[in-house]
Amino acid sequence: MRTRRDVAAEKPTAEPPIAFPEEFPAGPPTRGTAVAEAAAAFARDFVRPRAAQMAHELTEFPRDVLTEAARRGLAGLLIPHQYGGTGAGHLAFADLIETVARECASTAVILDVHISVATEPIVMYGTEEQKHRHLPRLAGGEWLGAFALTEPNSGSDAAALRTTAIREGDTYTLRGTKAFITNAGAADLYVVMARTTGTPGARGISAFLVEASMPGVHPGRPMHKMGLRGSWTAELVLDDVVVPVQNMLAAEGEGFRVAMSALDSGRIGISAQATGIAQGALAAAVAAPQAHPFITTLADMEAQTQAARALYRHAAAMCDAGEPFTPQAAAAKLYATDAATAVAHAAVELCAPDSASEDHPAAIRLRDAKACQIYEGSNQVQRIVLARHLLA
C-alpha cells in the first residue's frame, strides 16, 4: 500500500496544465512562490468582491468558485502533474485556504473539501484507472468533489455508521443516509463510506466513489446554518445506488483507514481556514477606531493568530515530507479553531456597537469560526487523539 512518503517522492511525468510565472520549488512551497501569488490574486480579485454576498444563503451554488480556482491552477494542488494537477503539496494548499478564508470562509471550505478530503483519497488509494478517470476532472474544475462519512447517528463515532454496501456479482448496492455533507447537492463525485460486511466497527467499512449522476443518489436541500452560509451543507440519501466493484477505493474493509487518512490531511486545511478567519477578524478590529485603546487585547489576538499559523504549517510540512503527522494535525486543528473563535469573539466586542449588525465583518467571522470547532473531527475528538498519543 502506498503512503504519503511514496506520493511525495514521485517525480512528475507531465507539465502542469496551467503555466505559472515560475516553477514550483523542489521543497515545500512557502509564501512568495507562484502558487502563493496565484492564491493572493484569486482572493483579492475574485473572492473579496463576493464575500458580502457569500455571507448569505445562496439559492444557487457558486459553481464559479471552482471554475475560477481551476483556471488559476488552484483546484488540483494535491493532485500530481500526471493526472492534471499541480502537485504543489500541503503547505501550498494550506496557504491557499488561509488566504481565501481571510476574505470568505464559505469560499474557503468549498475549496478545502474539494481539494483535500474529496480528492486526496483517490490520489492515495485509487487505481490507475480511477485516477485517470476522476483526477483530471477534479483538478480542471469540471467536477466538484464531496466527502460523505457522517451520518445522523454517527458523528464523532464514525465507526458506528450504518450505510450498507451489499455485493451482488460485479456491483455493490449502497443504501443509507449521510448528514452534514459539504458541497452536497452540487458535487459531481462523492467519496462515500459504507459497511460492506456484518463486522461491527471500523473493520467492516469500505470506501466507494459514487457519481452524482448514478440513479438513487438524492442530495437534500441545503441547511440553514448559523455561519458559512455561502457553502452548501446537506443530507445525502443513497437509495439502492448500484456501484461497480471497480469504484471501490482500496480493499474491502479498509474504508475506515481511507477516511481517517483523509481527515488527518483535511485537518490541516481546517486549521488554515480557522487561521484565515482569525486574521480577518483581527483586521476588522484593527480597522475600528474604538478598538485602538485596547492594544493589549489586539496584541493577544495577533499572538493567537500567529501561533495557529505556525501549528498548521508545521503539520503541513511534516505531511509533505511523508512523515507521520496525526498528533500535529490534531493539535493544529484544536488550537487554531479555538483561537479563531476567541479572536472573532474579541473582535465583536472591540467593534461594538457596530458589530451588532449581522453583516459586520467581525460578526460574520464569529459565526463562521464556530463551525470549525465541530467539523473534520470535533475538538473533543482532537483532545482524545492527542491524549492517546501522549499515553502511548
Protein backbone atom coordinates (compact mmCIF):
# COMPACT_ATOMS: atom_id res chain seq x y z
CA MET A 1 0.00 0.00 0.00
CA ARG A 2 1.38 3.40 -0.99
CA THR A 3 1.96 6.05 1.65
CA ARG A 4 2.26 9.82 1.61
CA ARG A 5 6.02 9.38 1.59
CA ASP A 6 5.66 7.45 -1.70
CA VAL A 7 3.48 10.19 -3.18
CA ALA A 8 5.87 12.93 -2.02
CA ALA A 9 8.78 11.14 -3.69
CA GLU A 10 7.11 10.74 -7.08
CA LYS A 11 8.58 12.66 -9.98
CA PRO A 12 6.11 14.40 -12.31
CA THR A 13 5.81 12.86 -15.74
CA ALA A 14 3.97 15.74 -17.38
CA GLU A 15 3.91 19.51 -17.17
CA PRO A 16 1.12 21.20 -15.19
CA PRO A 17 -1.81 22.25 -17.37
CA ILE A 18 -1.55 25.91 -16.34
CA ALA A 19 1.68 27.89 -16.60
CA PHE A 20 2.73 29.82 -13.51
CA PRO A 21 5.24 32.69 -13.63
CA GLU A 22 7.86 30.42 -12.08
CA GLU A 23 8.36 26.73 -11.39
CA PHE A 24 7.33 25.28 -8.06
CA PRO A 25 10.38 24.83 -5.81
CA ALA A 26 11.71 21.35 -5.17
CA GLY A 27 10.97 21.60 -1.44
CA PRO A 28 7.76 22.50 0.35
CA PRO A 29 6.23 25.73 -1.05
CA THR A 30 6.45 28.90 1.01
CA ARG A 31 4.93 32.34 0.75
CA GLY A 32 6.28 34.21 -2.25
CA THR A 33 6.07 31.19 -4.58
CA ALA A 34 3.98 31.12 -7.73
CA VAL A 35 1.13 29.26 -6.09
CA ALA A 36 1.03 31.77 -3.21
CA GLU A 37 0.93 34.64 -5.70
CA ALA A 38 -1.89 32.93 -7.59
CA ALA A 39 -3.79 32.38 -4.32
CA ALA A 40 -3.35 36.01 -3.29
CA ALA A 41 -4.60 37.26 -6.65
CA PHE A 42 -7.57 34.85 -6.53
CA ALA A 43 -8.53 36.05 -3.04
CA ARG A 44 -8.08 39.72 -3.89
CA ASP A 45 -9.69 39.83 -7.33
CA PHE A 46 -12.35 37.13 -7.14
CA VAL A 47 -13.16 36.24 -3.52
CA ARG A 48 -13.13 39.66 -1.86
CA PRO A 49 -15.71 41.34 -4.15
CA ARG A 50 -18.15 38.46 -3.50
CA ALA A 51 -17.55 38.00 0.23
CA ALA A 52 -20.57 40.02 1.37
CA GLN A 53 -22.86 38.02 -0.91
CA MET A 54 -21.34 34.72 0.24
CA ALA A 55 -22.20 35.58 3.85
CA HIS A 56 -25.85 34.98 2.97
CA GLU A 57 -27.64 31.79 1.98
CA LEU A 58 -27.44 31.21 -1.76
CA THR A 59 -30.26 29.68 -3.79
CA GLU A 60 -27.75 28.67 -6.46
CA PHE A 61 -24.43 27.03 -5.67
CA PRO A 62 -21.49 29.32 -6.55
CA ARG A 63 -20.01 26.95 -9.11
CA ASP A 64 -17.75 29.65 -10.49
CA VAL A 65 -15.69 29.42 -7.28
CA LEU A 66 -14.35 26.09 -8.51
CA THR A 67 -14.19 27.15 -12.14
CA GLU A 68 -12.10 30.22 -11.36
CA ALA A 69 -9.86 28.37 -8.91
CA ALA A 70 -9.22 25.71 -11.56
CA ARG A 71 -8.50 28.36 -14.21
CA ARG A 72 -5.78 29.72 -11.94
CA GLY A 73 -4.34 26.25 -11.31
CA LEU A 74 -5.54 26.08 -7.68
CA ALA A 75 -8.11 23.27 -7.75
CA GLY A 76 -5.60 20.44 -8.03
CA LEU A 77 -2.86 21.42 -5.60
CA LEU A 78 -2.71 17.91 -4.10
CA ILE A 79 -3.02 16.10 -7.44
CA PRO A 80 0.22 15.04 -9.20
CA HIS A 81 1.07 16.59 -12.55
CA GLN A 82 0.46 13.38 -14.50
CA TYR A 83 -3.22 13.47 -13.51
CA GLY A 84 -3.78 17.12 -14.37
CA GLY A 85 -2.87 18.74 -11.05
CA THR A 86 -0.06 21.00 -9.92
CA GLY A 87 1.44 18.70 -7.26
CA ALA A 88 2.20 21.67 -5.05
CA GLY A 89 1.66 19.93 -1.68
CA HIS A 90 0.02 20.61 1.64
CA LEU A 91 1.85 23.81 2.56
CA ALA A 92 0.66 25.39 -0.69
CA PHE A 93 -2.85 24.00 -0.11
CA ALA A 94 -2.97 25.37 3.45
CA ASP A 95 -1.67 28.76 2.34
CA LEU A 96 -4.45 28.92 -0.25
CA ILE A 97 -7.14 28.08 2.29
CA GLU A 98 -5.91 30.65 4.83
CA THR A 99 -5.59 33.33 2.15
CA VAL A 100 -9.14 32.71 0.91
CA ALA A 101 -10.62 32.38 4.42
CA ARG A 102 -9.33 35.83 5.37
CA GLU A 103 -11.81 37.16 2.82
CA CYS A 104 -14.56 34.50 2.89
CA ALA A 105 -14.70 31.33 4.98
CA SER A 106 -17.57 29.91 2.89
CA THR A 107 -15.47 30.01 -0.27
CA ALA A 108 -12.55 28.51 1.66
CA VAL A 109 -14.48 25.47 2.87
CA ILE A 110 -15.90 24.74 -0.59
CA LEU A 111 -12.35 24.58 -1.93
CA ASP A 112 -10.94 22.85 1.16
CA VAL A 113 -13.28 19.88 0.87
CA HIS A 114 -12.84 19.64 -2.89
CA ILE A 115 -9.04 19.80 -2.85
CA SER A 116 -8.48 17.71 0.27
CA VAL A 117 -10.86 15.05 1.58
CA ALA A 118 -12.77 14.65 -1.71
CA THR A 119 -9.65 14.30 -3.87
CA GLU A 120 -6.70 13.05 -1.83
CA PRO A 121 -8.22 9.60 -1.10
CA ILE A 122 -8.14 8.97 -4.86
CA VAL A 123 -4.53 10.14 -5.05
CA MET A 124 -3.56 7.92 -2.11
CA TYR A 125 -5.65 4.80 -2.68
CA GLY A 126 -7.07 4.93 -6.19
CA THR A 127 -6.21 2.57 -9.01
CA GLU A 128 -4.64 3.99 -12.16
CA GLU A 129 -7.99 3.72 -13.90
CA GLN A 130 -9.71 5.64 -11.08
CA LYS A 131 -7.01 8.31 -11.08
CA HIS A 132 -7.09 8.87 -14.82
CA ARG A 133 -10.89 8.92 -14.84
CA HIS A 134 -11.52 11.27 -11.93
CA LEU A 135 -8.48 13.37 -11.02
CA PRO A 136 -8.20 15.44 -14.24
CA ARG A 137 -11.87 16.37 -13.92
CA LEU A 138 -11.42 17.41 -10.29
CA ALA A 139 -8.23 19.36 -10.99
CA GLY A 140 -9.72 21.06 -14.03
CA GLY A 141 -12.89 22.19 -12.29
CA GLU A 142 -15.17 20.03 -14.45
CA TRP A 143 -16.22 18.06 -11.35
CA LEU A 144 -16.78 19.20 -7.77
CA GLY A 145 -15.97 16.71 -5.03
CA ALA A 146 -17.52 15.88 -1.65
CA PHE A 147 -16.72 13.54 1.26
CA ALA A 148 -19.58 11.51 2.77
CA LEU A 149 -18.75 9.92 6.13
CA THR A 150 -21.00 11.47 8.80
CA GLU A 151 -24.48 10.06 9.43
CA PRO A 152 -27.40 11.19 11.60
CA ASN A 153 -26.46 8.63 14.29
CA SER A 154 -22.69 8.52 13.80
CA GLY A 155 -20.87 11.82 14.03
CA SER A 156 -17.76 11.68 16.17
CA ASP A 157 -18.16 7.89 16.39
CA ALA A 158 -17.63 7.39 12.67
CA ALA A 159 -17.09 3.63 13.04
CA ALA A 160 -20.77 3.29 14.02
CA LEU A 161 -22.03 4.25 10.57
CA ARG A 162 -25.00 2.29 9.22
CA THR A 163 -24.96 2.88 5.46
CA THR A 164 -24.63 -0.53 3.82
CA ALA A 165 -23.00 -1.74 0.62
CA ILE A 166 -24.19 -5.21 -0.41
CA ARG A 167 -22.23 -7.02 -3.09
CA GLU A 168 -24.20 -8.60 -5.92
CA GLY A 169 -21.83 -10.04 -8.53
CA ASP A 170 -19.75 -7.23 -10.00
CA THR A 171 -21.62 -4.43 -8.23
CA TYR A 172 -22.39 -3.10 -4.76
CA THR A 173 -25.77 -1.68 -3.80
CA LEU A 174 -25.46 1.25 -1.38
CA ARG A 175 -28.29 2.14 0.96
CA GLY A 176 -28.30 4.74 3.73
CA THR A 177 -28.30 8.42 4.65
CA LYS A 178 -25.34 10.74 5.16
CA ALA A 179 -25.61 14.02 7.07
CA PHE A 180 -23.88 17.41 7.14
CA ILE A 181 -22.13 16.83 3.82
CA THR A 182 -20.30 19.89 2.48
CA ASN A 183 -20.93 20.53 -1.25
CA ALA A 184 -23.84 18.04 -1.27
CA GLY A 185 -26.32 18.93 -3.97
CA ALA A 186 -23.64 20.49 -6.14
CA ALA A 187 -20.94 17.80 -6.09
CA ASP A 188 -20.37 15.55 -9.08
CA LEU A 189 -18.37 12.93 -7.16
CA TYR A 190 -18.74 11.67 -3.59
CA VAL A 191 -16.22 9.66 -1.58
CA VAL A 192 -18.67 7.50 0.40
CA MET A 193 -18.03 5.25 3.39
CA ALA A 194 -20.35 2.25 3.78
CA ARG A 195 -20.46 -1.04 5.67
CA THR A 196 -19.68 -3.97 3.36
CA THR A 197 -19.78 -6.82 5.90
CA GLY A 198 -21.60 -7.72 9.08
CA THR A 199 -18.44 -6.95 11.01
CA PRO A 200 -19.12 -4.21 13.57
CA GLY A 201 -16.91 -1.16 14.00
CA ALA A 202 -14.15 0.10 11.73
CA ARG A 203 -13.19 -3.25 10.19
CA GLY A 204 -16.46 -3.58 8.27
CA ILE A 205 -16.24 -0.23 6.45
CA SER A 206 -15.25 0.27 2.82
CA ALA A 207 -14.84 3.37 0.63
CA PHE A 208 -16.56 3.99 -2.71
CA LEU A 209 -16.51 6.57 -5.47
CA VAL A 210 -20.12 7.48 -6.15
CA GLU A 211 -21.01 9.76 -9.04
CA ALA A 212 -23.90 12.17 -8.55
CA SER A 213 -25.42 11.04 -11.85
CA MET A 214 -25.93 7.47 -10.62
CA PRO A 215 -29.59 6.51 -10.10
CA GLY A 216 -30.61 6.66 -6.45
CA VAL A 217 -28.24 9.48 -5.39
CA HIS A 218 -30.52 12.06 -3.75
CA PRO A 219 -29.00 15.10 -2.01
CA GLY A 220 -31.27 17.04 0.30
CA ARG A 221 -31.90 20.77 0.44
CA PRO A 222 -29.06 22.94 1.79
CA MET A 223 -29.35 23.52 5.52
CA HIS A 224 -29.98 26.89 7.15
CA LYS A 225 -26.79 27.42 9.13
CA MET A 226 -25.54 29.91 11.70
CA GLY A 227 -22.38 30.51 9.69
CA LEU A 228 -20.68 29.50 6.43
CA ARG A 229 -23.93 30.40 4.72
CA GLY A 230 -22.46 30.57 1.24
CA SER A 231 -21.37 26.93 1.46
CA TRP A 232 -23.93 24.20 0.89
CA THR A 233 -24.33 21.55 3.61
CA ALA A 234 -26.99 18.89 3.16
CA GLU A 235 -28.07 15.29 3.63
CA LEU A 236 -27.15 12.71 1.03
CA VAL A 237 -29.61 9.84 0.59
CA LEU A 238 -28.32 6.71 -1.12
CA ASP A 239 -31.39 4.84 -2.30
CA ASP A 240 -30.20 1.47 -3.68
CA VAL A 241 -27.35 3.06 -5.61
CA VAL A 242 -25.66 0.42 -7.78
CA VAL A 243 -21.90 1.00 -7.90
CA PRO A 244 -19.41 -1.10 -9.92
CA VAL A 245 -16.84 -3.07 -7.95
CA GLN A 246 -14.22 -1.00 -9.77
CA ASN A 247 -15.44 2.08 -7.84
CA MET A 248 -14.18 0.76 -4.50
CA LEU A 249 -11.21 2.66 -3.06
CA ALA A 250 -8.56 0.38 -1.53
CA ALA A 251 -9.60 -3.12 -0.46
CA GLU A 252 -12.87 -4.15 1.14
CA GLY A 253 -12.79 -3.36 4.83
CA GLU A 254 -10.14 -0.62 4.51
CA GLY A 255 -12.56 2.28 4.22
CA PHE A 256 -12.10 3.49 7.77
CA ARG A 257 -8.36 3.81 7.19
CA VAL A 258 -9.07 5.74 3.99
CA ALA A 259 -11.38 8.07 5.91
CA MET A 260 -9.01 8.69 8.81
CA SER A 261 -6.11 9.33 6.44
CA ALA A 262 -8.21 11.89 4.58
CA LEU A 263 -9.29 13.57 7.80
CA ASP A 264 -5.70 13.88 9.04
CA SER A 265 -4.89 15.86 5.92
CA GLY A 266 -8.21 17.68 6.00
CA ARG A 267 -7.50 18.98 9.48
CA ILE A 268 -4.55 20.90 8.10
CA GLY A 269 -6.96 22.68 5.77
CA ILE A 270 -9.49 23.42 8.50
CA SER A 271 -6.68 24.75 10.73
CA ALA A 272 -5.67 27.06 7.90
CA GLN A 273 -9.28 28.10 7.37
CA ALA A 274 -9.60 28.95 11.07
CA THR A 275 -6.38 30.94 10.94
CA GLY A 276 -7.72 32.92 7.99
CA ILE A 277 -10.94 33.62 9.88
CA ALA A 278 -8.90 34.86 12.86
CA GLN A 279 -6.81 37.08 10.58
CA GLY A 280 -9.95 38.56 9.05
CA ALA A 281 -11.47 39.20 12.47
CA LEU A 282 -8.27 40.84 13.67
CA ALA A 283 -8.21 43.08 10.60
CA ALA A 284 -11.77 44.17 11.35
CA ALA A 285 -10.81 45.02 14.93
CA VAL A 286 -7.72 46.98 13.90
CA ALA A 287 -9.85 48.97 11.45
CA ALA A 288 -12.28 50.00 14.21
CA PRO A 289 -11.14 53.24 15.89
CA GLN A 290 -12.90 52.32 19.13
CA ALA A 291 -10.67 49.24 19.43
CA HIS A 292 -7.39 51.15 19.46
CA PRO A 293 -7.30 51.85 23.23
CA PHE A 294 -7.37 48.07 23.81
CA ILE A 295 -3.90 47.47 22.44
CA THR A 296 -3.12 44.55 24.73
CA THR A 297 -6.22 42.70 23.52
CA LEU A 298 -5.20 43.31 19.92
CA ALA A 299 -1.72 42.02 20.75
CA ASP A 300 -3.16 38.84 22.26
CA MET A 301 -5.30 38.32 19.16
CA GLU A 302 -2.23 38.67 16.95
CA ALA A 303 -0.25 36.21 19.06
CA GLN A 304 -3.05 33.63 18.87
CA THR A 305 -3.27 34.03 15.10
CA GLN A 306 0.48 33.64 14.65
CA ALA A 307 0.55 30.55 16.87
CA ALA A 308 -2.30 28.95 14.90
CA ARG A 309 -0.45 29.60 11.65
CA ALA A 310 2.78 28.09 12.98
CA LEU A 311 0.97 24.92 14.10
CA TYR A 312 -0.79 24.22 10.82
CA ARG A 313 2.31 24.97 8.76
CA HIS A 314 4.34 22.57 10.93
CA ALA A 315 1.79 19.79 10.36
CA ALA A 316 1.67 20.57 6.63
CA ALA A 317 5.46 20.44 6.32
CA MET A 318 5.54 17.04 8.06
CA CYS A 319 2.82 15.75 5.74
CA ASP A 320 4.70 16.97 2.65
CA ALA A 321 7.83 15.24 3.93
CA GLY A 322 5.96 11.93 4.19
CA GLU A 323 6.33 11.82 7.97
CA PRO A 324 3.58 10.73 10.41
CA PHE A 325 1.66 13.84 11.42
CA THR A 326 -1.60 12.76 13.09
CA PRO A 327 -0.91 14.40 16.51
CA GLN A 328 0.45 17.53 14.86
CA ALA A 329 -2.67 17.88 12.71
CA ALA A 330 -4.88 17.28 15.77
CA ALA A 331 -3.02 19.93 17.78
CA ALA A 332 -3.22 22.42 14.92
CA LYS A 333 -6.93 21.81 14.43
CA LEU A 334 -7.68 22.06 18.15
CA TYR A 335 -5.70 25.22 18.77
CA ALA A 336 -6.41 27.07 15.53
CA THR A 337 -10.19 26.61 15.69
CA ASP A 338 -10.38 27.55 19.37
CA ALA A 339 -8.16 30.56 18.64
CA ALA A 340 -10.31 31.64 15.71
CA THR A 341 -13.44 31.56 17.86
CA ALA A 342 -11.72 33.51 20.65
CA VAL A 343 -10.23 36.10 18.28
CA ALA A 344 -13.54 36.58 16.45
CA HIS A 345 -15.37 36.94 19.78
CA ALA A 346 -12.88 39.57 20.91
CA ALA A 347 -13.27 41.36 17.57
CA VAL A 348 -17.05 41.52 18.04
CA GLU A 349 -16.56 43.07 21.46
CA LEU A 350 -13.95 45.57 20.27
CA CYS A 351 -16.06 46.60 17.28
CA ALA A 352 -19.25 47.15 19.29
CA PRO A 353 -21.81 48.57 18.77
CA ASP A 354 -21.30 48.29 15.00
CA SER A 355 -20.70 44.54 15.27
CA ALA A 356 -24.30 44.05 16.42
CA SER A 357 -25.17 44.02 12.71
CA GLU A 358 -25.12 40.51 11.26
CA ASP A 359 -23.33 41.86 8.17
CA HIS A 360 -20.43 43.29 10.16
CA PRO A 361 -17.12 41.55 9.28
CA ALA A 362 -16.46 40.59 12.91
CA ALA A 363 -19.96 39.13 13.34
CA ILE A 364 -19.60 37.10 10.14
CA ARG A 365 -16.24 35.73 11.32
CA LEU A 366 -17.63 34.73 14.71
CA ARG A 367 -20.48 32.77 13.12
CA ASP A 368 -18.10 31.12 10.67
CA ALA A 369 -15.48 30.26 13.29
CA LYS A 370 -17.82 28.15 15.41
CA ALA A 371 -18.29 25.50 12.74
CA CYS A 372 -14.53 24.97 12.57
CA GLN A 373 -14.58 23.59 16.12
CA ILE A 374 -17.05 20.91 15.04
CA TYR A 375 -16.32 19.51 11.58
CA GLU A 376 -13.34 17.42 10.42
CA GLY A 377 -13.48 15.83 13.88
CA SER A 378 -14.80 17.89 16.79
CA ASN A 379 -12.29 19.45 19.14
CA GLN A 380 -13.26 16.94 21.79
CA VAL A 381 -12.12 14.23 19.39
CA GLN A 382 -8.84 16.06 18.80
CA ARG A 383 -8.23 16.05 22.55
CA ILE A 384 -8.76 12.28 22.59
CA VAL A 385 -6.32 11.88 19.68
CA LEU A 386 -3.67 13.90 21.49
CA ALA A 387 -4.25 12.15 24.84
CA ARG A 388 -3.88 8.71 23.23
CA HIS A 389 -0.66 9.84 21.59
CA LEU A 390 0.73 11.02 24.92
CA LEU A 391 -0.31 7.90 26.81
CA ALA A 392 1.02 5.59 24.10
